[in-house]
Amino acid sequence: MHNPDATLDDLMTQVKGPDFPTGGIVQGLAGIRQAYETGRGKIVVRSKTHIEEMRGHRQQIVVTELPYEVNKAELVKRIDELRINKKVDGIAEVRDESDRFGLSVVVELKKRRQRGGYSDVPV
């Protein structure tokens, strides 16, 4: 407002992009740039995840933020259906551990196979 002659590049240094209420990670700047230029643009948003180690050489993927308008219950149901129908191999369990402190969808992975019958521990 203080600089009405600002270029789009100047604007993009100050206003990074949309802030979605459910969080997520915006992929790329092309959609944001197009939205600023034309008023329309396609913005791809990914879930925010991290991998945690569990005992017994197992891992779990923990989803802490979902893209806007993604139904958490439907997501858990669809991942579980993929597991049951064996369309995706390596998923042991999917569960919703969300509570009043925040969102948490856990995808527990099956135990990793060891190559050649030996463990990763040097002898």
PDB file of N, CA and C in Angstrom:
ATOM      1  N   MET A   1       0.823  -1.184   0.000  1.00  0.00           N
ATOM      2  CA  MET A   1       0.000   0.000   0.000  1.00  0.00           C
ATOM      3  C   MET A   1       0.874   1.257   0.000  1.00  0.00           C
ATOM      4  N   HIS A   2       2.000   1.160   0.680  1.00  0.00           N
ATOM      5  CA  HIS A   2       2.892   2.324   0.744  1.00  0.00           C
ATOM      6  C   HIS A   2       3.661   2.516  -0.552  1.00  0.00           C
ATOM      7  N   ASN A   3       3.753   1.480  -1.373  1.00  0.00           N
ATOM      8  CA  ASN A   3       4.498   1.550  -2.630  1.00  0.00           C
ATOM      9  C   ASN A   3       3.620   1.000  -3.762  1.00  0.00           C
ATOM     10  N   PRO A   4       2.724   1.816  -4.328  1.00  0.00           N
ATOM     11  CA  PRO A   4       1.799   1.326  -5.362  1.00  0.00           C
ATOM     12  C   PRO A   4       2.496   0.973  -6.671  1.00  0.00           C
ATOM     13  N   ASP A   5       3.734   1.394  -6.875  1.00  0.00           N
ATOM     14  CA  ASP A   5       4.468   1.088  -8.104  1.00  0.00           C
ATOM     15  C   ASP A   5       5.343  -0.156  -7.970  1.00  0.00           C
ATOM     16  N   ALA A   6       5.152  -0.931  -6.919  1.00  0.00           N
ATOM     17  CA  ALA A   6       5.977  -2.119  -6.687  1.00  0.00           C
ATOM     18  C   ALA A   6       5.730  -3.149  -7.789  1.00  0.00           C
ATOM     19  N   THR A   7       6.800  -3.814  -8.208  1.00  0.00           N
ATOM     20  CA  THR A   7       6.691  -4.865  -9.228  1.00  0.00           C
ATOM     21  C   THR A   7       6.246  -6.163  -8.559  1.00  0.00           C
ATOM     22  N   LEU A   8       5.929  -7.146  -9.393  1.00  0.00           N
ATOM     23  CA  LEU A   8       5.525  -8.449  -8.863  1.00  0.00           C
ATOM     24  C   LEU A   8       6.659  -9.090  -8.070  1.00  0.00           C
ATOM     25  N   ASP A   9       7.894  -8.933  -8.546  1.00  0.00           N
ATOM     26  CA  ASP A   9       9.041  -9.485  -7.809  1.00  0.00           C
ATOM     27  C   ASP A   9       9.193  -8.819  -6.450  1.00  0.00           C
ATOM     28  N   ASP A  10       8.959  -7.507  -6.376  1.00  0.00           N
ATOM     29  CA  ASP A  10       9.015  -6.807  -5.091  1.00  0.00           C
ATOM     30  C   ASP A  10       7.923  -7.331  -4.153  1.00  0.00           C
ATOM     31  N   LEU A  11       6.741  -7.543  -4.715  1.00  0.00           N
ATOM     32  CA  LEU A  11       5.626  -8.048  -3.924  1.00  0.00           C
ATOM     33  C   LEU A  11       5.921  -9.445  -3.380  1.00  0.00           C
ATOM     34  N   MET A  12       6.519 -10.289  -4.217  1.00  0.00           N
ATOM     35  CA  MET A  12       6.791 -11.673  -3.799  1.00  0.00           C
ATOM     36  C   MET A  12       7.886 -11.760  -2.739  1.00  0.00           C
ATOM     37  N   THR A  13       8.722 -10.740  -2.597  1.00  0.00           N
ATOM     38  CA  THR A  13       9.714 -10.759  -1.511  1.00  0.00           C
ATOM     39  C   THR A  13       9.051 -10.446  -0.174  1.00  0.00           C
ATOM     40  N   GLN A  14       7.944  -9.702  -0.200  1.00  0.00           N
ATOM     41  CA  GLN A  14       7.247  -9.331   1.029  1.00  0.00           C
ATOM     42  C   GLN A  14       6.133 -10.318   1.392  1.00  0.00           C
ATOM     43  N   VAL A  15       5.354 -10.755   0.402  1.00  0.00           N
ATOM     44  CA  VAL A  15       4.241 -11.688   0.626  1.00  0.00           C
ATOM     45  C   VAL A  15       4.646 -13.020   0.014  1.00  0.00           C
ATOM     46  N   LYS A  16       5.064 -13.958   0.835  1.00  0.00           N
ATOM     47  CA  LYS A  16       5.628 -15.223   0.355  1.00  0.00           C
ATOM     48  C   LYS A  16       4.591 -16.107  -0.336  1.00  0.00           C
ATOM     49  N   GLY A  17       3.376 -16.116   0.163  1.00  0.00           N
ATOM     50  CA  GLY A  17       2.350 -16.971  -0.426  1.00  0.00           C
ATOM     51  C   GLY A  17       1.193 -17.132   0.534  1.00  0.00           C
ATOM     52  N   PRO A  18       0.226 -17.972   0.162  1.00  0.00           N
ATOM     53  CA  PRO A  18      -0.943 -18.158   1.019  1.00  0.00           C
ATOM     54  C   PRO A  18      -0.592 -18.917   2.300  1.00  0.00           C
ATOM     55  N   ASP A  19      -1.337 -18.649   3.324  1.00  0.00           N
ATOM     56  CA  ASP A  19      -1.181 -19.343   4.602  1.00  0.00           C
ATOM     57  C   ASP A  19      -2.462 -20.140   4.831  1.00  0.00           C
ATOM     58  N   PHE A  20      -2.378 -21.454   4.672  1.00  0.00           N
ATOM     59  CA  PHE A  20      -3.549 -22.302   4.819  1.00  0.00           C
ATOM     60  C   PHE A  20      -3.775 -22.635   6.285  1.00  0.00           C
ATOM     61  N   PRO A  21      -5.032 -22.694   6.736  1.00  0.00           N
ATOM     62  CA  PRO A  21      -5.313 -22.923   8.157  1.00  0.00           C
ATOM     63  C   PRO A  21      -4.863 -24.286   8.668  1.00  0.00           C
ATOM     64  N   THR A  22      -4.782 -25.294   7.797  1.00  0.00           N
ATOM     65  CA  THR A  22      -4.365 -26.623   8.245  1.00  0.00           C
ATOM     66  C   THR A  22      -2.886 -26.864   8.040  1.00  0.00           C
ATOM     67  N   GLY A  23      -2.176 -25.892   7.488  1.00  0.00           N
ATOM     68  CA  GLY A  23      -0.742 -26.029   7.282  1.00  0.00           C
ATOM     69  C   GLY A  23      -0.431 -26.702   5.963  1.00  0.00           C
ATOM     70  N   GLY A  24       0.681 -27.400   5.909  1.00  0.00           N
ATOM     71  CA  GLY A  24       1.129 -28.050   4.688  1.00  0.00           C
ATOM     72  C   GLY A  24       2.317 -27.313   4.101  1.00  0.00           C
ATOM     73  N   ILE A  25       2.889 -27.891   3.048  1.00  0.00           N
ATOM     74  CA  ILE A  25       4.066 -27.338   2.398  1.00  0.00           C
ATOM     75  C   ILE A  25       3.698 -27.007   0.952  1.00  0.00           C
ATOM     76  N   VAL A  26       3.849 -25.743   0.567  1.00  0.00           N
ATOM     77  CA  VAL A  26       3.558 -25.321  -0.803  1.00  0.00           C
ATOM     78  C   VAL A  26       4.723 -25.737  -1.686  1.00  0.00           C
ATOM     79  N   GLN A  27       4.423 -26.421  -2.803  1.00  0.00           N
ATOM     80  CA  GLN A  27       5.437 -26.891  -3.749  1.00  0.00           C
ATOM     81  C   GLN A  27       5.560 -25.908  -4.904  1.00  0.00           C
ATOM     82  N   GLY A  28       6.694 -25.284  -5.039  1.00  0.00           N
ATOM     83  CA  GLY A  28       6.983 -24.408  -6.164  1.00  0.00           C
ATOM     84  C   GLY A  28       6.380 -23.023  -6.041  1.00  0.00           C
ATOM     85  N   LEU A  29       6.911 -22.113  -6.829  1.00  0.00           N
ATOM     86  CA  LEU A  29       6.458 -20.729  -6.808  1.00  0.00           C
ATOM     87  C   LEU A  29       5.657 -20.347  -8.050  1.00  0.00           C
ATOM     88  N   ALA A  30       5.641 -21.183  -9.076  1.00  0.00           N
ATOM     89  CA  ALA A  30       4.980 -20.840 -10.340  1.00  0.00           C
ATOM     90  C   ALA A  30       3.492 -20.584 -10.143  1.00  0.00           C
ATOM     91  N   GLY A  31       2.826 -21.414  -9.363  1.00  0.00           N
ATOM     92  CA  GLY A  31       1.394 -21.241  -9.123  1.00  0.00           C
ATOM     93  C   GLY A  31       1.087 -19.973  -8.345  1.00  0.00           C
ATOM     94  N   ILE A  32       1.936 -19.664  -7.382  1.00  0.00           N
ATOM     95  CA  ILE A  32       1.749 -18.443  -6.591  1.00  0.00           C
ATOM     96  C   ILE A  32       1.962 -17.224  -7.490  1.00  0.00           C
ATOM     97  N   ARG A  33       2.995 -17.265  -8.313  1.00  0.00           N
ATOM     98  CA  ARG A  33       3.274 -16.157  -9.230  1.00  0.00           C
ATOM     99  C   ARG A  33       2.098 -15.949 -10.184  1.00  0.00           C
ATOM    100  N   GLN A  34       1.577 -17.046 -10.741  1.00  0.00           N
ATOM    101  CA  GLN A  34       0.447 -16.966 -11.663  1.00  0.00           C
ATOM    102  C   GLN A  34      -0.791 -16.398 -10.953  1.00  0.00           C
ATOM    103  N   ALA A  35      -1.004 -16.799  -9.706  1.00  0.00           N
ATOM    104  CA  ALA A  35      -2.145 -16.284  -8.945  1.00  0.00           C
ATOM    105  C   ALA A  35      -2.011 -14.786  -8.697  1.00  0.00           C
ATOM    106  N   TYR A  36      -0.809 -14.319  -8.408  1.00  0.00           N
ATOM    107  CA  TYR A  36      -0.593 -12.883  -8.204  1.00  0.00           C
ATOM    108  C   TYR A  36      -0.769 -12.099  -9.503  1.00  0.00           C
ATOM    109  N   GLU A  37      -0.342 -12.689 -10.628  1.00  0.00           N
ATOM    110  CA  GLU A  37      -0.438 -12.000 -11.921  1.00  0.00           C
ATOM    111  C   GLU A  37      -1.863 -11.949 -12.455  1.00  0.00           C
ATOM    112  N   THR A  38      -2.568 -13.094 -12.407  1.00  0.00           N
ATOM    113  CA  THR A  38      -3.865 -13.204 -13.084  1.00  0.00           C
ATOM    114  C   THR A  38      -5.055 -13.297 -12.135  1.00  0.00           C
ATOM    115  N   GLY A  39      -4.800 -13.575 -10.870  1.00  0.00           N
ATOM    116  CA  GLY A  39      -5.906 -13.794  -9.933  1.00  0.00           C
ATOM    117  C   GLY A  39      -6.302 -15.254  -9.842  1.00  0.00           C
ATOM    118  N   ARG A  40      -5.712 -16.105 -10.685  1.00  0.00           N
ATOM    119  CA  ARG A  40      -5.949 -17.545 -10.671  1.00  0.00           C
ATOM    120  C   ARG A  40      -4.612 -18.262 -10.767  1.00  0.00           C
ATOM    121  N   GLY A  41      -4.512 -19.377 -10.087  1.00  0.00           N
ATOM    122  CA  GLY A  41      -3.284 -20.153 -10.154  1.00  0.00           C
ATOM    123  C   GLY A  41      -3.462 -21.474  -9.447  1.00  0.00           C
ATOM    124  N   LYS A  42      -2.699 -22.462  -9.844  1.00  0.00           N
ATOM    125  CA  LYS A  42      -2.758 -23.785  -9.228  1.00  0.00           C
ATOM    126  C   LYS A  42      -1.594 -23.906  -8.248  1.00  0.00           C
ATOM    127  N   ILE A  43      -1.934 -24.144  -6.995  1.00  0.00           N
ATOM    128  CA  ILE A  43      -0.923 -24.274  -5.958  1.00  0.00           C
ATOM    129  C   ILE A  43      -0.973 -25.700  -5.425  1.00  0.00           C
ATOM    130  N   VAL A  44       0.154 -26.397  -5.491  1.00  0.00           N
ATOM    131  CA  VAL A  44       0.248 -27.769  -5.001  1.00  0.00           C
ATOM    132  C   VAL A  44       0.734 -27.724  -3.557  1.00  0.00           C
ATOM    133  N   VAL A  45      -0.028 -28.373  -2.669  1.00  0.00           N
ATOM    134  CA  VAL A  45       0.313 -28.387  -1.246  1.00  0.00           C
ATOM    135  C   VAL A  45       0.504 -29.833  -0.805  1.00  0.00           C
ATOM    136  N   ARG A  46       1.609 -30.117  -0.125  1.00  0.00           N
ATOM    137  CA  ARG A  46       1.913 -31.454   0.398  1.00  0.00           C
ATOM    138  C   ARG A  46       1.727 -31.484   1.905  1.00  0.00           C
ATOM    139  N   SER A  47       1.549 -32.685   2.421  1.00  0.00           N
ATOM    140  CA  SER A  47       1.498 -32.881   3.871  1.00  0.00           C
ATOM    141  C   SER A  47       2.887 -32.675   4.454  1.00  0.00           C
ATOM    142  N   LYS A  48       2.928 -32.279   5.713  1.00  0.00           N
ATOM    143  CA  LYS A  48       4.209 -32.161   6.423  1.00  0.00           C
ATOM    144  C   LYS A  48       4.401 -33.449   7.207  1.00  0.00           C
ATOM    145  N   THR A  49       5.517 -34.132   6.980  1.00  0.00           N
ATOM    146  CA  THR A  49       5.770 -35.424   7.604  1.00  0.00           C
ATOM    147  C   THR A  49       7.185 -35.490   8.156  1.00  0.00           C
ATOM    148  N   HIS A  50       7.394 -36.455   9.017  1.00  0.00           N
ATOM    149  CA  HIS A  50       8.751 -36.811   9.432  1.00  0.00           C
ATOM    150  C   HIS A  50       8.769 -38.303   9.755  1.00  0.00           C
ATOM    151  N   ILE A  51       9.961 -38.890   9.740  1.00  0.00           N
ATOM    152  CA  ILE A  51      10.117 -40.326   9.987  1.00  0.00           C
ATOM    153  C   ILE A  51      10.725 -40.518  11.365  1.00  0.00           C
ATOM    154  N   GLU A  52      10.109 -41.407  12.136  1.00  0.00           N
ATOM    155  CA  GLU A  52      10.606 -41.723  13.475  1.00  0.00           C
ATOM    156  C   GLU A  52      11.059 -43.167  13.519  1.00  0.00           C
ATOM    157  N   GLU A  53      12.149 -43.391  14.233  1.00  0.00           N
ATOM    158  CA  GLU A  53      12.645 -44.752  14.443  1.00  0.00           C
ATOM    159  C   GLU A  53      11.885 -45.377  15.601  1.00  0.00           C
ATOM    160  N   MET A  54      11.566 -46.653  15.463  1.00  0.00           N
ATOM    161  CA  MET A  54      10.903 -47.402  16.529  1.00  0.00           C
ATOM    162  C   MET A  54      11.839 -48.534  16.948  1.00  0.00           C
ATOM    163  N   ARG A  55      11.503 -49.201  18.018  1.00  0.00           N
ATOM    164  CA  ARG A  55      12.356 -50.320  18.418  1.00  0.00           C
ATOM    165  C   ARG A  55      12.173 -51.484  17.449  1.00  0.00           C
ATOM    166  N   GLY A  56      13.161 -52.316  17.380  1.00  0.00           N
ATOM    167  CA  GLY A  56      13.125 -53.461  16.484  1.00  0.00           C
ATOM    168  C   GLY A  56      13.410 -53.101  15.039  1.00  0.00           C
ATOM    169  N   HIS A  57      14.208 -52.066  14.794  1.00  0.00           N
ATOM    170  CA  HIS A  57      14.579 -51.621  13.443  1.00  0.00           C
ATOM    171  C   HIS A  57      13.363 -51.307  12.581  1.00  0.00           C
ATOM    172  N   ARG A  58      12.346 -50.743  13.194  1.00  0.00           N
ATOM    173  CA  ARG A  58      11.144 -50.358  12.461  1.00  0.00           C
ATOM    174  C   ARG A  58      11.065 -48.843  12.395  1.00  0.00           C
ATOM    175  N   GLN A  59      10.285 -48.355  11.440  1.00  0.00           N
ATOM    176  CA  GLN A  59      10.110 -46.924  11.277  1.00  0.00           C
ATOM    177  C   GLN A  59       8.631 -46.611  11.131  1.00  0.00           C
ATOM    178  N   GLN A  60       8.296 -45.360  11.418  1.00  0.00           N
ATOM    179  CA  GLN A  60       6.931 -44.894  11.191  1.00  0.00           C
ATOM    180  C   GLN A  60       6.985 -43.493  10.591  1.00  0.00           C
ATOM    181  N   ILE A  61       6.047 -43.243   9.681  1.00  0.00           N
ATOM    182  CA  ILE A  61       5.905 -41.922   9.076  1.00  0.00           C
ATOM    183  C   ILE A  61       4.817 -41.204   9.848  1.00  0.00           C
ATOM    184  N   VAL A  62       5.115 -40.024  10.376  1.00  0.00           N
ATOM    185  CA  VAL A  62       4.152 -39.252  11.155  1.00  0.00           C
ATOM    186  C   VAL A  62       3.771 -38.012  10.351  1.00  0.00           C
ATOM    187  N   VAL A  63       2.470 -37.879  10.038  1.00  0.00           N
ATOM    188  CA  VAL A  63       1.945 -36.732   9.303  1.00  0.00           C
ATOM    189  C   VAL A  63       1.453 -35.732  10.344  1.00  0.00           C
ATOM    190  N   THR A  64       1.994 -34.501  10.302  1.00  0.00           N
ATOM    191  CA  THR A  64       1.626 -33.493  11.299  1.00  0.00           C
ATOM    192  C   THR A  64       0.814 -32.341  10.723  1.00  0.00           C
ATOM    193  N   GLU A  65       0.802 -32.187   9.395  1.00  0.00           N
ATOM    194  CA  GLU A  65      -0.006 -31.153   8.749  1.00  0.00           C
ATOM    195  C   GLU A  65      -0.551 -31.714   7.446  1.00  0.00           C
ATOM    196  N   LEU A  66      -1.807 -31.407   7.141  1.00  0.00           N
ATOM    197  CA  LEU A  66      -2.452 -31.860   5.905  1.00  0.00           C
ATOM    198  C   LEU A  66      -2.789 -30.664   5.024  1.00  0.00           C
ATOM    199  N   PRO A  67      -2.841 -30.872   3.703  1.00  0.00           N
ATOM    200  CA  PRO A  67      -3.290 -29.787   2.827  1.00  0.00           C
ATOM    201  C   PRO A  67      -4.729 -29.386   3.156  1.00  0.00           C
ATOM    202  N   TYR A  68      -5.047 -28.153   2.829  1.00  0.00           N
ATOM    203  CA  TYR A  68      -6.374 -27.611   3.092  1.00  0.00           C
ATOM    204  C   TYR A  68      -7.441 -28.446   2.389  1.00  0.00           C
ATOM    205  N   GLU A  69      -8.534 -28.713   3.061  1.00  0.00           N
ATOM    206  CA  GLU A  69      -9.697 -29.460   2.594  1.00  0.00           C
ATOM    207  C   GLU A  69      -9.437 -30.952   2.406  1.00  0.00           C
ATOM    208  N   VAL A  70      -8.355 -31.507   2.961  1.00  0.00           N
ATOM    209  CA  VAL A  70      -8.143 -32.948   2.962  1.00  0.00           C
ATOM    210  C   VAL A  70      -8.790 -33.486   4.232  1.00  0.00           C
ATOM    211  N   ASN A  71      -9.702 -34.439   4.067  1.00  0.00           N
ATOM    212  CA  ASN A  71     -10.403 -35.038   5.195  1.00  0.00           C
ATOM    213  C   ASN A  71      -9.499 -36.095   5.834  1.00  0.00           C
ATOM    214  N   LYS A  72      -9.134 -35.892   7.086  1.00  0.00           N
ATOM    215  CA  LYS A  72      -8.202 -36.776   7.774  1.00  0.00           C
ATOM    216  C   LYS A  72      -8.737 -38.197   7.878  1.00  0.00           C
ATOM    217  N   ALA A  73     -10.008 -38.364   8.236  1.00  0.00           N
ATOM    218  CA  ALA A  73     -10.588 -39.701   8.389  1.00  0.00           C
ATOM    219  C   ALA A  73     -10.602 -40.441   7.056  1.00  0.00           C
ATOM    220  N   GLU A  74     -10.928 -39.728   5.984  1.00  0.00           N
ATOM    221  CA  GLU A  74     -10.946 -40.342   4.652  1.00  0.00           C
ATOM    222  C   GLU A  74      -9.538 -40.729   4.213  1.00  0.00           C
ATOM    223  N   LEU A  75      -8.546 -39.903   4.529  1.00  0.00           N
ATOM    224  CA  LEU A  75      -7.156 -40.209   4.208  1.00  0.00           C
ATOM    225  C   LEU A  75      -6.706 -41.489   4.905  1.00  0.00           C
ATOM    226  N   VAL A  76      -6.978 -41.599   6.201  1.00  0.00           N
ATOM    227  CA  VAL A  76      -6.585 -42.792   6.962  1.00  0.00           C
ATOM    228  C   VAL A  76      -7.273 -44.025   6.378  1.00  0.00           C
ATOM    229  N   LYS A  77      -8.547 -43.894   6.043  1.00  0.00           N
ATOM    230  CA  LYS A  77      -9.312 -45.015   5.477  1.00  0.00           C
ATOM    231  C   LYS A  77      -8.722 -45.463   4.142  1.00  0.00           C
ATOM    232  N   ARG A  78      -8.375 -44.506   3.274  1.00  0.00           N
ATOM    233  CA  ARG A  78      -7.835 -44.853   1.956  1.00  0.00           C
ATOM    234  C   ARG A  78      -6.453 -45.492   2.052  1.00  0.00           C
ATOM    235  N   ILE A  79      -5.604 -44.999   2.960  1.00  0.00           N
ATOM    236  CA  ILE A  79      -4.281 -45.617   3.140  1.00  0.00           C
ATOM    237  C   ILE A  79      -4.443 -47.034   3.666  1.00  0.00           C
ATOM    238  N   ASP A  80      -5.374 -47.229   4.598  1.00  0.00           N
ATOM    239  CA  ASP A  80      -5.609 -48.564   5.145  1.00  0.00           C
ATOM    240  C   ASP A  80      -6.149 -49.508   4.072  1.00  0.00           C
ATOM    241  N   GLU A  81      -7.005 -49.012   3.179  1.00  0.00           N
ATOM    242  CA  GLU A  81      -7.506 -49.844   2.081  1.00  0.00           C
ATOM    243  C   GLU A  81      -6.367 -50.255   1.151  1.00  0.00           C
ATOM    244  N   LEU A  82      -5.438 -49.341   0.881  1.00  0.00           N
ATOM    245  CA  LEU A  82      -4.278 -49.688   0.060  1.00  0.00           C
ATOM    246  C   LEU A  82      -3.445 -50.778   0.727  1.00  0.00           C
ATOM    247  N   ARG A  83      -3.328 -50.697   2.037  1.00  0.00           N
ATOM    248  CA  ARG A  83      -2.575 -51.710   2.794  1.00  0.00           C
ATOM    249  C   ARG A  83      -3.273 -53.059   2.723  1.00  0.00           C
ATOM    250  N   ILE A  84      -4.584 -53.071   2.958  1.00  0.00           N
ATOM    251  CA  ILE A  84      -5.351 -54.322   2.970  1.00  0.00           C
ATOM    252  C   ILE A  84      -5.368 -54.972   1.591  1.00  0.00           C
ATOM    253  N   ASN A  85      -5.539 -54.170   0.536  1.00  0.00           N
ATOM    254  CA  ASN A  85      -5.586 -54.694  -0.835  1.00  0.00           C
ATOM    255  C   ASN A  85      -4.199 -54.969  -1.403  1.00  0.00           C
ATOM    256  N   LYS A  86      -3.159 -54.735  -0.607  1.00  0.00           N
ATOM    257  CA  LYS A  86      -1.758 -54.981  -0.974  1.00  0.00           C
ATOM    258  C   LYS A  86      -1.342 -54.236  -2.238  1.00  0.00           C
ATOM    259  N   LYS A  87      -1.905 -53.031  -2.420  1.00  0.00           N
ATOM    260  CA  LYS A  87      -1.494 -52.179  -3.534  1.00  0.00           C
ATOM    261  C   LYS A  87      -0.202 -51.452  -3.179  1.00  0.00           C
ATOM    262  N   VAL A  88       0.019 -51.224  -1.882  1.00  0.00           N
ATOM    263  CA  VAL A  88       1.258 -50.631  -1.393  1.00  0.00           C
ATOM    264  C   VAL A  88       1.844 -51.605  -0.381  1.00  0.00           C
ATOM    265  N   ASP A  89       3.054 -52.070  -0.657  1.00  0.00           N
ATOM    266  CA  ASP A  89       3.702 -53.040   0.220  1.00  0.00           C
ATOM    267  C   ASP A  89       4.550 -52.312   1.251  1.00  0.00           C
ATOM    268  N   GLY A  90       4.622 -52.840   2.452  1.00  0.00           N
ATOM    269  CA  GLY A  90       5.499 -52.273   3.469  1.00  0.00           C
ATOM    270  C   GLY A  90       4.791 -51.518   4.572  1.00  0.00           C
ATOM    271  N   ILE A  91       3.458 -51.386   4.504  1.00  0.00           N
ATOM    272  CA  ILE A  91       2.711 -50.692   5.556  1.00  0.00           C
ATOM    273  C   ILE A  91       2.175 -51.734   6.525  1.00  0.00           C
ATOM    274  N   ALA A  92       2.530 -51.607   7.798  1.00  0.00           N
ATOM    275  CA  ALA A  92       2.050 -52.535   8.817  1.00  0.00           C
ATOM    276  C   ALA A  92       0.727 -52.063   9.413  1.00  0.00           C
ATOM    277  N   GLU A  93       0.591 -50.743   9.654  1.00  0.00           N
ATOM    278  CA  GLU A  93      -0.604 -50.222  10.315  1.00  0.00           C
ATOM    279  C   GLU A  93      -0.722 -48.729  10.055  1.00  0.00           C
ATOM    280  N   VAL A  94      -1.967 -48.252  10.028  1.00  0.00           N
ATOM    281  CA  VAL A  94      -2.241 -46.826   9.894  1.00  0.00           C
ATOM    282  C   VAL A  94      -3.187 -46.449  11.017  1.00  0.00           C
ATOM    283  N   ARG A  95      -2.881 -45.362  11.730  1.00  0.00           N
ATOM    284  CA  ARG A  95      -3.778 -44.964  12.820  1.00  0.00           C
ATOM    285  C   ARG A  95      -3.756 -43.445  13.001  1.00  0.00           C
ATOM    286  N   ASP A  96      -4.863 -42.949  13.501  1.00  0.00           N
ATOM    287  CA  ASP A  96      -5.025 -41.526  13.784  1.00  0.00           C
ATOM    288  C   ASP A  96      -4.747 -41.316  15.266  1.00  0.00           C
ATOM    289  N   GLU A  97      -3.675 -40.602  15.580  1.00  0.00           N
ATOM    290  CA  GLU A  97      -3.300 -40.335  16.970  1.00  0.00           C
ATOM    291  C   GLU A  97      -3.501 -38.864  17.323  1.00  0.00           C
ATOM    292  N   SER A  98      -4.379 -38.184  16.580  1.00  0.00           N
ATOM    293  CA  SER A  98      -4.641 -36.772  16.844  1.00  0.00           C
ATOM    294  C   SER A  98      -5.287 -36.602  18.213  1.00  0.00           C
ATOM    295  N   ASP A  99      -4.951 -35.500  18.854  1.00  0.00           N
ATOM    296  CA  ASP A  99      -5.559 -35.175  20.139  1.00  0.00           C
ATOM    297  C   ASP A  99      -5.736 -33.664  20.220  1.00  0.00           C
ATOM    298  N   ARG A 100      -5.998 -33.159  21.385  1.00  0.00           N
ATOM    299  CA  ARG A 100      -6.246 -31.721  21.515  1.00  0.00           C
ATOM    300  C   ARG A 100      -4.995 -30.880  21.279  1.00  0.00           C
ATOM    301  N   PHE A 101      -3.832 -31.528  21.237  1.00  0.00           N
ATOM    302  CA  PHE A 101      -2.580 -30.805  21.021  1.00  0.00           C
ATOM    303  C   PHE A 101      -2.211 -30.706  19.549  1.00  0.00           C
ATOM    304  N   GLY A 102      -2.871 -31.468  18.680  1.00  0.00           N
ATOM    305  CA  GLY A 102      -2.579 -31.355  17.256  1.00  0.00           C
ATOM    306  C   GLY A 102      -2.836 -32.614  16.473  1.00  0.00           C
ATOM    307  N   LEU A 103      -2.654 -32.484  15.163  1.00  0.00           N
ATOM    308  CA  LEU A 103      -2.888 -33.568  14.230  1.00  0.00           C
ATOM    309  C   LEU A 103      -1.712 -34.527  14.234  1.00  0.00           C
ATOM    310  N   SER A 104      -2.017 -35.820  14.159  1.00  0.00           N
ATOM    311  CA  SER A 104      -0.975 -36.828  14.067  1.00  0.00           C
ATOM    312  C   SER A 104      -1.569 -38.090  13.450  1.00  0.00           C
ATOM    313  N   VAL A 105      -1.192 -38.361  12.207  1.00  0.00           N
ATOM    314  CA  VAL A 105      -1.562 -39.597  11.530  1.00  0.00           C
ATOM    315  C   VAL A 105      -0.283 -40.410  11.402  1.00  0.00           C
ATOM    316  N   VAL A 106      -0.299 -41.647  11.909  1.00  0.00           N
ATOM    317  CA  VAL A 106       0.896 -42.475  11.940  1.00  0.00           C
ATOM    318  C   VAL A 106       0.744 -43.627  10.948  1.00  0.00           C
ATOM    319  N   VAL A 107       1.733 -43.758  10.057  1.00  0.00           N
ATOM    320  CA  VAL A 107       1.807 -44.881   9.126  1.00  0.00           C
ATOM    321  C   VAL A 107       2.999 -45.719   9.577  1.00  0.00           C
ATOM    322  N   GLU A 108       2.694 -46.839  10.226  1.00  0.00           N
ATOM    323  CA  GLU A 108       3.748 -47.705  10.750  1.00  0.00           C
ATOM    324  C   GLU A 108       4.203 -48.639   9.644  1.00  0.00           C
ATOM    325  N   LEU A 109       5.512 -48.686   9.414  1.00  0.00           N
ATOM    326  CA  LEU A 109       6.077 -49.506   8.346  1.00  0.00           C
ATOM    327  C   LEU A 109       6.504 -50.866   8.868  1.00  0.00           C
ATOM    328  N   LYS A 110       6.510 -51.837   7.967  1.00  0.00           N
ATOM    329  CA  LYS A 110       6.960 -53.181   8.341  1.00  0.00           C
ATOM    330  C   LYS A 110       8.462 -53.149   8.588  1.00  0.00           C
ATOM    331  N   LYS A 111       8.941 -54.171   9.283  1.00  0.00           N
ATOM    332  CA  LYS A 111      10.355 -54.256   9.610  1.00  0.00           C
ATOM    333  C   LYS A 111      11.174 -54.350   8.332  1.00  0.00           C
ATOM    334  N   ARG A 112      12.274 -53.597   8.309  1.00  0.00           N
ATOM    335  CA  ARG A 112      13.151 -53.608   7.141  1.00  0.00           C
ATOM    336  C   ARG A 112      13.863 -54.942   7.034  1.00  0.00           C
ATOM    337  N   ARG A 113      13.950 -55.442   5.815  1.00  0.00           N
ATOM    338  CA  ARG A 113      14.699 -56.681   5.590  1.00  0.00           C
ATOM    339  C   ARG A 113      16.183 -56.370   5.539  1.00  0.00           C
ATOM    340  N   GLN A 114      16.956 -57.303   6.050  1.00  0.00           N
ATOM    341  CA  GLN A 114      18.393 -57.102   6.028  1.00  0.00           C
ATOM    342  C   GLN A 114      18.965 -57.801   4.797  1.00  0.00           C
ATOM    343  N   ARG A 115      19.883 -57.153   4.147  1.00  0.00           N
ATOM    344  CA  ARG A 115      20.462 -57.697   2.927  1.00  0.00           C
ATOM    345  C   ARG A 115      21.471 -58.802   3.262  1.00  0.00           C
ATOM    346  N   GLY A 116      21.445 -59.889   2.502  1.00  0.00           N
ATOM    347  CA  GLY A 116      22.440 -60.940   2.619  1.00  0.00           C
ATOM    348  C   GLY A 116      22.402 -61.691   3.932  1.00  0.00           C
ATOM    349  N   GLY A 117      21.353 -61.502   4.715  1.00  0.00           N
ATOM    350  CA  GLY A 117      21.245 -62.225   5.975  1.00  0.00           C
ATOM    351  C   GLY A 117      22.088 -61.667   7.098  1.00  0.00           C
ATOM    352  N   TYR A 118      22.801 -60.564   6.861  1.00  0.00           N
ATOM    353  CA  TYR A 118      23.633 -59.973   7.889  1.00  0.00           C
ATOM    354  C   TYR A 118      23.034 -58.653   8.329  1.00  0.00           C
ATOM    355  N   SER A 119      23.294 -58.273   9.532  1.00  0.00           N
ATOM    356  CA  SER A 119      22.809 -56.999  10.020  1.00  0.00           C
ATOM    357  C   SER A 119      23.738 -55.882   9.558  1.00  0.00           C
ATOM    358  N   ASP A 120      23.314 -54.663   9.816  1.00  0.00           N
ATOM    359  CA  ASP A 120      24.109 -53.506   9.419  1.00  0.00           C
ATOM    360  C   ASP A 120      25.241 -53.212  10.412  1.00  0.00           C
ATOM    361  N   VAL A 121      25.343 -53.994  11.479  1.00  0.00           N
ATOM    362  CA  VAL A 121      26.354 -53.758  12.499  1.00  0.00           C
ATOM    363  C   VAL A 121      27.668 -54.360  12.047  1.00  0.00           C
ATOM    364  N   PRO A 122      28.747 -53.549  11.987  1.00  0.00           N
ATOM    365  CA  PRO A 122      30.055 -54.101  11.570  1.00  0.00           C
ATOM    366  C   PRO A 122      30.598 -55.053  12.628  1.00  0.00           C
ATOM    367  N   VAL A 123      31.326 -56.068  12.176  1.00  0.00           N
ATOM    368  CA  VAL A 123      31.882 -57.064  13.087  1.00  0.00           C
ATOM    369  C   VAL A 123      33.324 -56.757  13.370  1.00  0.00           C
TER     370      VAL A 123
END
